[in-house]
N, C-alpha and C. Protein backbone atom coordinates (compact mmCIF):
# COMPACT_ATOMS: atom_id res chain seq x y z
N MET A 1 33.63 21.44 6.46
CA MET A 1 32.29 21.87 6.07
C MET A 1 31.96 21.34 4.68
N LYS A 2 30.77 20.76 4.54
CA LYS A 2 30.30 20.33 3.24
C LYS A 2 29.57 21.49 2.57
N LEU A 3 29.90 21.71 1.28
CA LEU A 3 29.30 22.78 0.51
C LEU A 3 28.81 22.23 -0.83
N ALA A 4 27.70 22.77 -1.31
CA ALA A 4 27.20 22.40 -2.63
C ALA A 4 27.27 23.63 -3.53
N LEU A 5 28.07 23.54 -4.58
CA LEU A 5 28.23 24.63 -5.53
C LEU A 5 27.57 24.26 -6.84
N PHE A 6 26.88 25.22 -7.43
CA PHE A 6 26.18 24.99 -8.68
C PHE A 6 26.52 26.08 -9.69
N ASP A 7 26.89 25.69 -10.89
CA ASP A 7 26.80 26.60 -12.02
C ASP A 7 25.30 26.83 -12.25
N LEU A 8 24.97 27.87 -13.01
CA LEU A 8 23.55 28.19 -13.21
C LEU A 8 23.04 27.77 -14.58
N ASP A 9 23.58 28.39 -15.63
CA ASP A 9 23.02 28.21 -16.97
C ASP A 9 23.33 26.83 -17.53
N HIS A 10 22.28 26.13 -17.95
CA HIS A 10 22.34 24.76 -18.46
C HIS A 10 22.75 23.75 -17.39
N THR A 11 22.83 24.20 -16.16
CA THR A 11 23.10 23.29 -15.04
C THR A 11 21.86 23.23 -14.16
N LEU A 12 21.55 24.33 -13.48
CA LEU A 12 20.28 24.40 -12.75
C LEU A 12 19.14 24.86 -13.64
N LEU A 13 19.46 25.69 -14.62
CA LEU A 13 18.47 26.13 -15.60
C LEU A 13 18.70 25.40 -16.92
N PRO A 14 17.65 25.03 -17.63
CA PRO A 14 17.83 24.40 -18.94
C PRO A 14 18.07 25.42 -20.05
N ILE A 15 18.23 26.68 -19.69
CA ILE A 15 18.50 27.76 -20.64
C ILE A 15 19.72 28.54 -20.17
N ASP A 16 20.21 29.44 -21.02
CA ASP A 16 21.26 30.37 -20.64
C ASP A 16 20.59 31.70 -20.28
N SER A 17 20.61 32.05 -19.01
CA SER A 17 19.88 33.24 -18.56
C SER A 17 20.46 34.52 -19.15
N ASP A 18 21.76 34.56 -19.36
CA ASP A 18 22.42 35.73 -19.94
C ASP A 18 21.95 35.94 -21.38
N TYR A 19 22.00 34.88 -22.16
CA TYR A 19 21.54 34.94 -23.55
C TYR A 19 20.05 35.26 -23.61
N ALA A 20 19.28 34.62 -22.73
CA ALA A 20 17.84 34.84 -22.71
C ALA A 20 17.49 36.28 -22.37
N TRP A 21 18.25 36.89 -21.43
CA TRP A 21 18.01 38.30 -21.10
C TRP A 21 18.27 39.17 -22.32
N GLY A 22 19.32 38.88 -23.06
CA GLY A 22 19.60 39.64 -24.27
C GLY A 22 18.46 39.54 -25.27
N GLU A 23 17.93 38.34 -25.45
CA GLU A 23 16.80 38.15 -26.35
C GLU A 23 15.55 38.88 -25.84
N PHE A 24 15.39 38.91 -24.52
CA PHE A 24 14.24 39.59 -23.91
C PHE A 24 14.31 41.10 -24.16
N THR A 25 15.50 41.67 -23.97
CA THR A 25 15.63 43.11 -24.21
C THR A 25 15.46 43.44 -25.69
N LEU A 26 15.84 42.50 -26.54
CA LEU A 26 15.62 42.67 -27.97
C LEU A 26 14.12 42.74 -28.26
N ALA A 27 13.36 41.84 -27.62
CA ALA A 27 11.90 41.84 -27.81
C ALA A 27 11.25 43.10 -27.26
N LEU A 28 11.87 43.71 -26.26
CA LEU A 28 11.35 44.95 -25.70
C LEU A 28 11.62 46.15 -26.61
N GLY A 29 12.45 45.95 -27.61
CA GLY A 29 12.79 47.05 -28.51
C GLY A 29 13.90 47.94 -27.99
N TRP A 30 14.70 47.42 -27.05
CA TRP A 30 15.78 48.21 -26.47
C TRP A 30 17.03 48.24 -27.35
N THR A 31 17.08 47.36 -28.32
CA THR A 31 18.29 47.24 -29.14
C THR A 31 17.92 47.12 -30.61
N ASP A 32 18.90 47.41 -31.47
CA ASP A 32 18.71 47.23 -32.90
C ASP A 32 18.70 45.74 -33.21
N PRO A 33 17.62 45.22 -33.78
CA PRO A 33 17.47 43.76 -33.91
C PRO A 33 18.62 43.07 -34.64
N GLU A 34 18.98 43.57 -35.80
CA GLU A 34 19.98 42.87 -36.61
C GLU A 34 21.36 42.93 -35.95
N HIS A 35 21.74 44.12 -35.52
CA HIS A 35 23.07 44.30 -34.93
C HIS A 35 23.19 43.52 -33.63
N PHE A 36 22.18 43.65 -32.76
CA PHE A 36 22.27 43.00 -31.46
C PHE A 36 22.31 41.48 -31.60
N LYS A 37 21.40 40.93 -32.37
CA LYS A 37 21.34 39.47 -32.47
C LYS A 37 22.62 38.89 -33.04
N GLN A 38 23.19 39.58 -34.03
CA GLN A 38 24.44 39.10 -34.61
C GLN A 38 25.55 39.06 -33.57
N ARG A 39 25.68 40.13 -32.80
CA ARG A 39 26.73 40.18 -31.80
C ARG A 39 26.45 39.23 -30.63
N ASN A 40 25.19 39.17 -30.21
CA ASN A 40 24.84 38.28 -29.10
C ASN A 40 25.12 36.83 -29.45
N ASP A 41 24.74 36.43 -30.66
CA ASP A 41 25.01 35.05 -31.10
C ASP A 41 26.51 34.78 -31.17
N ALA A 42 27.28 35.77 -31.63
CA ALA A 42 28.73 35.59 -31.74
C ALA A 42 29.37 35.43 -30.37
N PHE A 43 28.95 36.26 -29.40
CA PHE A 43 29.47 36.13 -28.05
C PHE A 43 29.13 34.77 -27.46
N TYR A 44 27.93 34.29 -27.71
CA TYR A 44 27.49 33.00 -27.18
C TYR A 44 28.34 31.86 -27.75
N GLU A 45 28.66 31.94 -29.02
CA GLU A 45 29.52 30.92 -29.62
C GLU A 45 30.92 30.96 -29.01
N HIS A 46 31.42 32.16 -28.73
CA HIS A 46 32.72 32.27 -28.08
C HIS A 46 32.68 31.67 -26.67
N TYR A 47 31.56 31.91 -25.96
CA TYR A 47 31.44 31.32 -24.62
C TYR A 47 31.50 29.80 -24.70
N LYS A 48 30.73 29.22 -25.60
CA LYS A 48 30.71 27.76 -25.71
C LYS A 48 32.08 27.22 -26.09
N ALA A 49 32.83 28.01 -26.87
CA ALA A 49 34.17 27.57 -27.31
C ALA A 49 35.25 27.85 -26.28
N GLY A 50 34.88 28.58 -25.19
CA GLY A 50 35.87 28.90 -24.16
C GLY A 50 36.78 30.06 -24.54
N THR A 51 36.35 30.90 -25.49
CA THR A 51 37.20 32.00 -25.96
C THR A 51 36.58 33.37 -25.69
N LEU A 52 35.59 33.44 -24.85
CA LEU A 52 34.88 34.70 -24.61
C LEU A 52 35.75 35.69 -23.83
N ASP A 53 35.81 36.93 -24.32
CA ASP A 53 36.38 38.04 -23.56
C ASP A 53 35.25 38.61 -22.72
N ILE A 54 35.22 38.28 -21.45
CA ILE A 54 34.07 38.61 -20.63
C ILE A 54 33.93 40.12 -20.40
N HIS A 55 35.02 40.84 -20.42
CA HIS A 55 34.93 42.30 -20.25
C HIS A 55 34.20 42.93 -21.44
N ASP A 56 34.58 42.53 -22.64
CA ASP A 56 33.88 43.02 -23.82
C ASP A 56 32.41 42.61 -23.79
N TYR A 57 32.19 41.38 -23.39
CA TYR A 57 30.81 40.89 -23.38
C TYR A 57 29.95 41.66 -22.40
N VAL A 58 30.44 41.90 -21.20
CA VAL A 58 29.64 42.61 -20.20
C VAL A 58 29.33 44.04 -20.64
N ARG A 59 30.30 44.69 -21.28
CA ARG A 59 30.02 46.03 -21.82
C ARG A 59 28.86 45.96 -22.82
N PHE A 60 28.92 44.97 -23.69
CA PHE A 60 27.87 44.80 -24.69
C PHE A 60 26.54 44.43 -24.04
N ALA A 61 26.58 43.44 -23.13
CA ALA A 61 25.35 42.89 -22.57
C ALA A 61 24.60 43.88 -21.68
N THR A 62 25.32 44.83 -21.08
CA THR A 62 24.66 45.79 -20.19
C THR A 62 24.36 47.12 -20.86
N GLU A 63 24.74 47.26 -22.12
CA GLU A 63 24.59 48.56 -22.79
C GLU A 63 23.14 49.02 -22.81
N ALA A 64 22.23 48.14 -23.20
CA ALA A 64 20.82 48.53 -23.31
C ALA A 64 20.22 48.86 -21.96
N VAL A 65 20.50 48.04 -20.97
CA VAL A 65 19.88 48.27 -19.66
C VAL A 65 20.46 49.51 -19.00
N ARG A 66 21.73 49.82 -19.28
CA ARG A 66 22.33 51.04 -18.72
C ARG A 66 21.62 52.28 -19.26
N ARG A 67 21.25 52.23 -20.53
CA ARG A 67 20.54 53.37 -21.12
C ARG A 67 19.15 53.56 -20.51
N GLN A 68 18.52 52.48 -20.09
CA GLN A 68 17.15 52.56 -19.58
C GLN A 68 17.07 53.13 -18.17
N GLY A 69 18.10 52.89 -17.36
CA GLY A 69 18.09 53.37 -15.99
C GLY A 69 17.52 52.35 -15.02
N PRO A 70 17.71 52.59 -13.70
CA PRO A 70 17.37 51.59 -12.69
C PRO A 70 15.89 51.20 -12.63
N GLU A 71 14.99 52.16 -12.73
CA GLU A 71 13.57 51.83 -12.57
C GLU A 71 13.06 50.98 -13.72
N ALA A 72 13.35 51.38 -14.94
CA ALA A 72 12.92 50.60 -16.10
C ALA A 72 13.60 49.23 -16.10
N ALA A 73 14.86 49.19 -15.68
CA ALA A 73 15.58 47.93 -15.64
C ALA A 73 14.94 46.97 -14.64
N ALA A 74 14.59 47.46 -13.47
CA ALA A 74 13.96 46.61 -12.44
C ALA A 74 12.62 46.08 -12.92
N ALA A 75 11.84 46.94 -13.55
CA ALA A 75 10.53 46.51 -14.04
C ALA A 75 10.68 45.45 -15.13
N ALA A 76 11.64 45.66 -16.03
CA ALA A 76 11.86 44.69 -17.10
C ALA A 76 12.34 43.36 -16.53
N HIS A 77 13.20 43.42 -15.53
CA HIS A 77 13.70 42.16 -14.96
C HIS A 77 12.59 41.39 -14.26
N ALA A 78 11.67 42.09 -13.62
CA ALA A 78 10.54 41.41 -12.99
C ALA A 78 9.71 40.67 -14.05
N ARG A 79 9.51 41.31 -15.19
CA ARG A 79 8.80 40.64 -16.28
C ARG A 79 9.60 39.44 -16.80
N PHE A 80 10.91 39.62 -16.92
CA PHE A 80 11.80 38.54 -17.37
C PHE A 80 11.68 37.33 -16.45
N MET A 81 11.64 37.57 -15.16
CA MET A 81 11.49 36.46 -14.21
C MET A 81 10.16 35.74 -14.42
N ASP A 82 9.09 36.51 -14.60
CA ASP A 82 7.76 35.91 -14.75
C ASP A 82 7.57 35.21 -16.09
N GLU A 83 8.11 35.81 -17.14
CA GLU A 83 7.83 35.31 -18.48
C GLU A 83 8.85 34.30 -19.00
N VAL A 84 10.09 34.37 -18.48
CA VAL A 84 11.15 33.53 -19.02
C VAL A 84 11.71 32.56 -17.98
N ILE A 85 12.10 33.08 -16.82
CA ILE A 85 12.82 32.24 -15.85
C ILE A 85 11.90 31.27 -15.12
N ARG A 86 10.84 31.76 -14.52
CA ARG A 86 9.97 30.84 -13.76
C ARG A 86 9.43 29.70 -14.62
N PRO A 87 8.98 29.97 -15.85
CA PRO A 87 8.52 28.84 -16.67
C PRO A 87 9.63 27.84 -17.02
N ALA A 88 10.88 28.28 -16.98
CA ALA A 88 12.00 27.40 -17.35
C ALA A 88 12.48 26.53 -16.18
N ILE A 89 12.17 26.94 -14.96
CA ILE A 89 12.70 26.20 -13.80
C ILE A 89 12.03 24.84 -13.69
N ARG A 90 12.84 23.81 -13.55
CA ARG A 90 12.35 22.44 -13.52
C ARG A 90 12.32 21.93 -12.09
N PRO A 91 11.30 21.15 -11.73
CA PRO A 91 11.20 20.65 -10.35
C PRO A 91 12.39 19.81 -9.92
N GLU A 92 13.02 19.09 -10.86
CA GLU A 92 14.16 18.26 -10.48
C GLU A 92 15.35 19.12 -10.06
N ALA A 93 15.48 20.31 -10.64
CA ALA A 93 16.56 21.21 -10.23
C ALA A 93 16.29 21.77 -8.83
N LEU A 94 15.06 22.18 -8.59
CA LEU A 94 14.70 22.65 -7.25
C LEU A 94 14.91 21.55 -6.21
N ALA A 95 14.54 20.32 -6.56
CA ALA A 95 14.69 19.21 -5.62
C ALA A 95 16.15 18.92 -5.32
N LEU A 96 17.01 19.04 -6.33
CA LEU A 96 18.44 18.80 -6.12
C LEU A 96 19.02 19.82 -5.15
N VAL A 97 18.69 21.09 -5.34
CA VAL A 97 19.16 22.13 -4.43
C VAL A 97 18.63 21.87 -3.02
N GLN A 98 17.35 21.54 -2.93
CA GLN A 98 16.74 21.33 -1.62
C GLN A 98 17.34 20.13 -0.90
N ALA A 99 17.74 19.12 -1.65
CA ALA A 99 18.35 17.94 -1.02
C ALA A 99 19.64 18.33 -0.29
N HIS A 100 20.43 19.21 -0.90
CA HIS A 100 21.65 19.67 -0.23
C HIS A 100 21.32 20.55 0.98
N ARG A 101 20.31 21.38 0.83
CA ARG A 101 19.91 22.22 1.97
C ARG A 101 19.40 21.36 3.12
N ASP A 102 18.63 20.33 2.80
CA ASP A 102 18.10 19.42 3.84
C ASP A 102 19.23 18.69 4.54
N ALA A 103 20.34 18.48 3.83
CA ALA A 103 21.51 17.82 4.43
C ALA A 103 22.36 18.79 5.24
N GLY A 104 21.94 20.03 5.33
CA GLY A 104 22.67 21.03 6.10
C GLY A 104 23.85 21.62 5.38
N GLU A 105 23.89 21.49 4.06
CA GLU A 105 25.02 22.00 3.30
C GLU A 105 24.66 23.37 2.72
N PRO A 106 25.47 24.39 2.97
CA PRO A 106 25.25 25.68 2.30
C PRO A 106 25.29 25.50 0.79
N VAL A 107 24.40 26.19 0.11
CA VAL A 107 24.30 26.12 -1.34
C VAL A 107 24.77 27.44 -1.94
N LEU A 108 25.76 27.37 -2.85
CA LEU A 108 26.27 28.55 -3.54
C LEU A 108 26.05 28.38 -5.04
N ILE A 109 25.50 29.40 -5.67
CA ILE A 109 25.47 29.44 -7.13
C ILE A 109 26.69 30.24 -7.57
N VAL A 110 27.50 29.63 -8.44
CA VAL A 110 28.74 30.24 -8.91
C VAL A 110 28.64 30.35 -10.43
N THR A 111 28.43 31.56 -10.92
CA THR A 111 28.09 31.74 -12.32
C THR A 111 28.89 32.86 -12.98
N ALA A 112 29.11 32.70 -14.27
CA ALA A 112 29.78 33.74 -15.05
C ALA A 112 28.81 34.79 -15.57
N THR A 113 27.53 34.62 -15.27
CA THR A 113 26.53 35.62 -15.63
C THR A 113 26.50 36.70 -14.56
N ASN A 114 26.22 37.94 -14.96
CA ASN A 114 26.36 39.04 -14.01
C ASN A 114 25.28 39.06 -12.94
N GLU A 115 25.57 39.78 -11.86
CA GLU A 115 24.72 39.79 -10.68
C GLU A 115 23.36 40.42 -10.92
N PHE A 116 23.27 41.39 -11.85
CA PHE A 116 21.98 42.01 -12.14
C PHE A 116 20.98 40.96 -12.62
N ILE A 117 21.42 40.11 -13.53
CA ILE A 117 20.54 39.07 -14.06
C ILE A 117 20.29 37.97 -13.04
N THR A 118 21.33 37.56 -12.31
CA THR A 118 21.25 36.30 -11.55
C THR A 118 20.80 36.42 -10.10
N ALA A 119 20.90 37.59 -9.49
CA ALA A 119 20.54 37.69 -8.07
C ALA A 119 19.09 37.24 -7.81
N PRO A 120 18.11 37.70 -8.58
CA PRO A 120 16.74 37.21 -8.34
C PRO A 120 16.58 35.72 -8.63
N ILE A 121 17.34 35.19 -9.57
CA ILE A 121 17.26 33.76 -9.88
C ILE A 121 17.82 32.94 -8.72
N ALA A 122 18.94 33.39 -8.16
CA ALA A 122 19.53 32.69 -7.01
C ALA A 122 18.55 32.65 -5.84
N ARG A 123 17.85 33.76 -5.61
CA ARG A 123 16.86 33.78 -4.53
C ARG A 123 15.74 32.80 -4.80
N LEU A 124 15.33 32.68 -6.05
CA LEU A 124 14.26 31.76 -6.41
C LEU A 124 14.65 30.31 -6.13
N PHE A 125 15.92 30.00 -6.31
CA PHE A 125 16.40 28.64 -6.02
C PHE A 125 16.68 28.42 -4.54
N GLY A 126 16.63 29.48 -3.74
CA GLY A 126 16.91 29.34 -2.32
C GLY A 126 18.38 29.20 -2.01
N ALA A 127 19.24 29.71 -2.89
CA ALA A 127 20.69 29.63 -2.64
C ALA A 127 21.07 30.48 -1.44
N ASP A 128 22.04 30.00 -0.68
CA ASP A 128 22.53 30.76 0.46
C ASP A 128 23.44 31.89 0.03
N GLU A 129 24.18 31.69 -1.07
CA GLU A 129 25.12 32.70 -1.55
C GLU A 129 25.12 32.69 -3.07
N LEU A 130 25.41 33.85 -3.64
CA LEU A 130 25.61 33.96 -5.08
C LEU A 130 26.99 34.53 -5.35
N ILE A 131 27.77 33.81 -6.13
CA ILE A 131 29.03 34.32 -6.65
C ILE A 131 28.83 34.52 -8.14
N ALA A 132 28.73 35.78 -8.55
CA ALA A 132 28.46 36.13 -9.94
C ALA A 132 29.42 37.23 -10.36
N VAL A 133 29.38 37.60 -11.63
CA VAL A 133 30.18 38.73 -12.09
C VAL A 133 29.64 40.00 -11.43
N ARG A 134 30.52 40.67 -10.69
CA ARG A 134 30.12 41.91 -10.01
C ARG A 134 30.23 43.07 -10.98
N LEU A 135 29.23 43.92 -10.99
CA LEU A 135 29.20 45.06 -11.91
C LEU A 135 29.65 46.32 -11.20
N ALA A 136 30.62 47.01 -11.79
CA ALA A 136 31.07 48.29 -11.23
C ALA A 136 29.94 49.31 -11.34
N ARG A 137 29.93 50.24 -10.38
CA ARG A 137 28.85 51.24 -10.33
C ARG A 137 29.45 52.64 -10.23
N ASP A 138 28.68 53.61 -10.74
CA ASP A 138 29.13 54.99 -10.71
C ASP A 138 28.74 55.65 -9.39
N ALA A 139 28.98 56.95 -9.27
CA ALA A 139 28.71 57.65 -8.01
C ALA A 139 27.24 57.62 -7.64
N ALA A 140 26.38 57.49 -8.63
CA ALA A 140 24.93 57.43 -8.36
C ALA A 140 24.47 56.01 -8.05
N GLY A 141 25.38 55.05 -8.15
CA GLY A 141 25.03 53.67 -7.84
C GLY A 141 24.54 52.85 -9.02
N TRP A 142 24.63 53.41 -10.24
CA TRP A 142 24.15 52.67 -11.41
C TRP A 142 25.33 52.01 -12.11
N ILE A 143 25.05 50.91 -12.80
CA ILE A 143 26.10 50.11 -13.41
C ILE A 143 26.76 50.87 -14.57
N THR A 144 28.07 50.64 -14.71
CA THR A 144 28.86 51.38 -15.70
C THR A 144 29.16 50.57 -16.95
N GLY A 145 29.01 49.26 -16.87
CA GLY A 145 29.40 48.38 -17.98
C GLY A 145 30.74 47.71 -17.75
N GLU A 146 31.45 48.12 -16.70
CA GLU A 146 32.72 47.48 -16.36
C GLU A 146 32.50 46.43 -15.27
N ILE A 147 33.49 45.59 -15.08
CA ILE A 147 33.44 44.53 -14.07
C ILE A 147 34.23 44.96 -12.85
N GLU A 148 33.68 44.70 -11.69
CA GLU A 148 34.40 44.97 -10.44
C GLU A 148 35.11 43.70 -9.97
N GLY A 149 36.40 43.80 -9.77
CA GLY A 149 37.15 42.66 -9.25
C GLY A 149 37.32 41.56 -10.28
N VAL A 150 37.55 40.36 -9.78
CA VAL A 150 37.81 39.20 -10.64
C VAL A 150 36.49 38.62 -11.12
N PRO A 151 36.30 38.50 -12.44
CA PRO A 151 35.06 37.91 -12.94
C PRO A 151 35.01 36.41 -12.63
N SER A 152 33.84 35.94 -12.27
CA SER A 152 33.68 34.53 -11.90
C SER A 152 33.47 33.68 -13.14
N MET A 153 34.56 33.53 -13.89
CA MET A 153 34.54 32.74 -15.12
C MET A 153 35.84 31.97 -15.23
N ARG A 154 35.74 30.71 -15.64
CA ARG A 154 36.89 29.83 -15.76
C ARG A 154 37.72 29.86 -14.47
N GLU A 155 39.03 30.18 -14.54
CA GLU A 155 39.87 30.20 -13.34
C GLU A 155 39.38 31.22 -12.32
N GLY A 156 38.64 32.23 -12.79
CA GLY A 156 38.09 33.23 -11.88
C GLY A 156 37.11 32.64 -10.89
N LYS A 157 36.45 31.55 -11.25
CA LYS A 157 35.55 30.90 -10.29
C LYS A 157 36.34 30.33 -9.12
N VAL A 158 37.48 29.74 -9.41
CA VAL A 158 38.34 29.21 -8.35
C VAL A 158 38.77 30.35 -7.42
N HIS A 159 39.19 31.45 -8.01
CA HIS A 159 39.64 32.62 -7.24
C HIS A 159 38.52 33.13 -6.34
N ARG A 160 37.33 33.28 -6.88
CA ARG A 160 36.22 33.84 -6.11
C ARG A 160 35.75 32.88 -5.02
N VAL A 161 35.73 31.58 -5.31
CA VAL A 161 35.37 30.61 -4.27
C VAL A 161 36.42 30.60 -3.17
N ALA A 162 37.70 30.70 -3.53
CA ALA A 162 38.76 30.76 -2.52
C ALA A 162 38.58 31.98 -1.63
N ASP A 163 38.22 33.12 -2.22
CA ASP A 163 37.94 34.32 -1.42
C ASP A 163 36.79 34.08 -0.46
N TRP A 164 35.75 33.43 -0.95
CA TRP A 164 34.58 33.14 -0.11
C TRP A 164 34.97 32.22 1.05
N LEU A 165 35.76 31.22 0.77
CA LEU A 165 36.21 30.31 1.83
C LEU A 165 37.03 31.06 2.88
N ARG A 166 37.97 31.89 2.42
CA ARG A 166 38.81 32.64 3.36
C ARG A 166 37.99 33.56 4.24
N SER A 167 36.95 34.15 3.68
CA SER A 167 36.12 35.08 4.45
C SER A 167 35.38 34.38 5.58
N ARG A 168 35.33 33.06 5.51
CA ARG A 168 34.66 32.28 6.54
C ARG A 168 35.64 31.41 7.33
N GLY A 169 36.91 31.73 7.23
CA GLY A 169 37.92 31.00 7.98
C GLY A 169 38.15 29.61 7.47
N LEU A 170 37.87 29.37 6.18
CA LEU A 170 38.03 28.05 5.59
C LEU A 170 39.08 28.10 4.49
N ASP A 171 39.48 26.92 4.03
CA ASP A 171 40.31 26.82 2.83
C ASP A 171 39.92 25.54 2.12
N TRP A 172 40.62 25.24 1.03
CA TRP A 172 40.24 24.06 0.24
C TRP A 172 40.34 22.77 1.05
N ASP A 173 41.27 22.72 2.00
CA ASP A 173 41.47 21.49 2.77
C ASP A 173 40.43 21.31 3.87
N ARG A 174 39.74 22.39 4.23
CA ARG A 174 38.75 22.30 5.30
C ARG A 174 37.32 22.44 4.78
N ALA A 175 37.17 22.25 3.49
CA ALA A 175 35.83 22.27 2.89
C ALA A 175 35.70 21.04 1.99
N HIS A 176 34.53 20.42 2.04
CA HIS A 176 34.25 19.29 1.16
C HIS A 176 33.21 19.77 0.15
N ILE A 177 33.67 19.97 -1.08
CA ILE A 177 32.87 20.67 -2.08
C ILE A 177 32.35 19.71 -3.14
N THR A 178 31.04 19.78 -3.35
CA THR A 178 30.41 19.16 -4.51
C THR A 178 30.08 20.27 -5.49
N PHE A 179 30.52 20.13 -6.73
CA PHE A 179 30.29 21.18 -7.72
C PHE A 179 29.64 20.59 -8.95
N TYR A 180 28.51 21.19 -9.34
CA TYR A 180 27.74 20.76 -10.49
C TYR A 180 27.94 21.76 -11.64
N SER A 181 28.31 21.27 -12.82
CA SER A 181 28.46 22.16 -13.98
C SER A 181 28.27 21.38 -15.27
N ASP A 182 27.85 22.12 -16.30
CA ASP A 182 27.62 21.53 -17.61
C ASP A 182 28.78 21.74 -18.58
N SER A 183 29.74 22.60 -18.24
CA SER A 183 30.63 23.15 -19.26
C SER A 183 32.11 22.94 -18.96
N THR A 184 32.90 22.78 -20.01
CA THR A 184 34.35 22.71 -19.85
C THR A 184 34.93 24.05 -19.41
N ASN A 185 34.17 25.14 -19.55
CA ASN A 185 34.63 26.41 -18.99
C ASN A 185 34.88 26.30 -17.49
N ASP A 186 34.20 25.35 -16.85
CA ASP A 186 34.30 25.20 -15.40
C ASP A 186 35.26 24.11 -14.97
N LEU A 187 36.09 23.64 -15.88
CA LEU A 187 37.06 22.60 -15.51
C LEU A 187 37.95 23.01 -14.33
N PRO A 188 38.43 24.28 -14.27
CA PRO A 188 39.29 24.63 -13.12
C PRO A 188 38.62 24.38 -11.77
N LEU A 189 37.34 24.72 -11.65
CA LEU A 189 36.65 24.51 -10.37
C LEU A 189 36.23 23.06 -10.20
N LEU A 190 35.84 22.41 -11.27
CA LEU A 190 35.52 20.98 -11.17
C LEU A 190 36.72 20.20 -10.66
N GLU A 191 37.91 20.58 -11.10
CA GLU A 191 39.13 19.87 -10.69
C GLU A 191 39.51 20.15 -9.24
N ARG A 192 39.03 21.26 -8.68
CA ARG A 192 39.31 21.56 -7.27
C ARG A 192 38.30 20.94 -6.33
N ALA A 193 37.11 20.64 -6.84
CA ALA A 193 36.05 20.08 -5.99
C ALA A 193 36.36 18.63 -5.63
N GLN A 194 35.98 18.26 -4.41
CA GLN A 194 36.13 16.85 -4.02
C GLN A 194 35.16 15.96 -4.78
N VAL A 195 33.99 16.52 -5.10
CA VAL A 195 32.99 15.74 -5.83
C VAL A 195 32.55 16.55 -7.06
N PRO A 196 33.24 16.38 -8.19
CA PRO A 196 32.80 17.06 -9.42
C PRO A 196 31.66 16.28 -10.06
N VAL A 197 30.62 17.00 -10.47
CA VAL A 197 29.46 16.36 -11.10
C VAL A 197 29.22 17.04 -12.44
N ALA A 198 29.44 16.31 -13.52
CA ALA A 198 29.17 16.83 -14.85
C ALA A 198 27.66 16.77 -15.07
N THR A 199 27.02 17.93 -15.10
CA THR A 199 25.57 18.01 -15.07
C THR A 199 25.05 18.53 -16.41
N ASN A 200 24.21 17.72 -17.07
CA ASN A 200 23.78 18.05 -18.43
C ASN A 200 25.00 18.44 -19.28
N PRO A 201 26.07 17.65 -19.25
CA PRO A 201 27.35 18.12 -19.79
C PRO A 201 27.35 18.26 -21.30
N ASP A 202 28.16 19.25 -21.76
CA ASP A 202 28.41 19.32 -23.19
C ASP A 202 29.26 18.11 -23.60
N GLU A 203 29.40 17.92 -24.90
CA GLU A 203 30.05 16.70 -25.39
C GLU A 203 31.46 16.54 -24.85
N ARG A 204 32.22 17.63 -24.82
CA ARG A 204 33.61 17.54 -24.37
C ARG A 204 33.67 17.21 -22.89
N LEU A 205 32.84 17.87 -22.07
CA LEU A 205 32.86 17.59 -20.63
C LEU A 205 32.39 16.17 -20.34
N ARG A 206 31.43 15.69 -21.10
CA ARG A 206 30.98 14.31 -20.90
C ARG A 206 32.13 13.33 -21.13
N GLY A 207 32.93 13.59 -22.16
CA GLY A 207 34.07 12.72 -22.43
C GLY A 207 35.10 12.77 -21.32
N ILE A 208 35.39 13.99 -20.84
CA ILE A 208 36.36 14.14 -19.74
C ILE A 208 35.86 13.46 -18.48
N ALA A 209 34.56 13.66 -18.17
CA ALA A 209 34.00 13.04 -16.97
C ALA A 209 34.05 11.52 -17.05
N THR A 210 33.79 10.99 -18.23
CA THR A 210 33.84 9.54 -18.41
C THR A 210 35.26 9.02 -18.20
N GLU A 211 36.23 9.72 -18.77
CA GLU A 211 37.64 9.31 -18.63
C GLU A 211 38.09 9.36 -17.17
N ARG A 212 37.64 10.35 -16.43
CA ARG A 212 38.13 10.55 -15.06
C ARG A 212 37.25 9.88 -14.01
N GLY A 213 36.16 9.28 -14.43
CA GLY A 213 35.29 8.60 -13.49
C GLY A 213 34.43 9.53 -12.66
N TRP A 214 34.19 10.73 -13.17
CA TRP A 214 33.32 11.66 -12.46
C TRP A 214 31.87 11.26 -12.66
N ARG A 215 31.05 11.63 -11.70
CA ARG A 215 29.62 11.40 -11.83
C ARG A 215 29.06 12.25 -12.98
N ILE A 216 28.17 11.66 -13.76
CA ILE A 216 27.46 12.38 -14.81
C ILE A 216 25.98 12.40 -14.46
N LEU A 217 25.41 13.59 -14.41
CA LEU A 217 24.01 13.75 -14.04
C LEU A 217 23.28 14.43 -15.19
N ASP A 218 22.38 13.69 -15.83
CA ASP A 218 21.55 14.28 -16.89
C ASP A 218 20.24 14.73 -16.24
N LEU A 219 20.31 15.90 -15.64
CA LEU A 219 19.19 16.39 -14.85
C LEU A 219 17.98 16.69 -15.70
N PHE A 220 18.20 17.13 -16.95
CA PHE A 220 17.10 17.53 -17.81
C PHE A 220 16.91 16.57 -18.97
N ARG A 221 17.15 15.30 -18.70
CA ARG A 221 17.06 14.31 -19.78
C ARG A 221 15.63 14.18 -20.29
N HIS A 222 14.66 14.32 -19.36
CA HIS A 222 13.27 14.14 -19.77
C HIS A 222 12.62 15.51 -19.94
N PRO A 223 11.77 15.65 -20.97
CA PRO A 223 11.12 16.93 -21.21
C PRO A 223 10.11 17.28 -20.13
């Protein structure tokens, strides 16, 4: 089976949806401006450096929305989609996803951003499946700030994709995977894919892709 896997932030989107959501909640007045921005920026730098503790980050990133509750959170996310995500989506990204769908290949978005933020975005792209950080929930069904299961980050993406393959009676040898990513955080999954595509790559990934002869796709080269 041929499959098309996509990272989300800076790969299909020219922005980081996780960081952008944090900035959006800051604009809503849900967080203390100085404290939140300082911590949010620090976590983002750790992510880019490959040193992020995702459990700490998810506790921090969901703190404000947990306080607001499900109804306010849903309303805010709808605004976030209209005001931030839809204007950021580029036609070339939609066309790339559609090309794989037209070829009969299931499309999976595999992201280290949590499911609350990314589920509506995945639907907007027409993805068949979303593999994202799963959020643990309390008895009432609301998010707790903890992560359920293996987070889909770095080697965790390989683990979660392997689980997805097994659930469909497949394994790495019976799937032909094309994986698009911008970041060296995704090297473990890029190395497992039959067709790794360094997409809008950071400087380090561009160098690795050049050395290994991987395809480099500058999807957002033009404004």
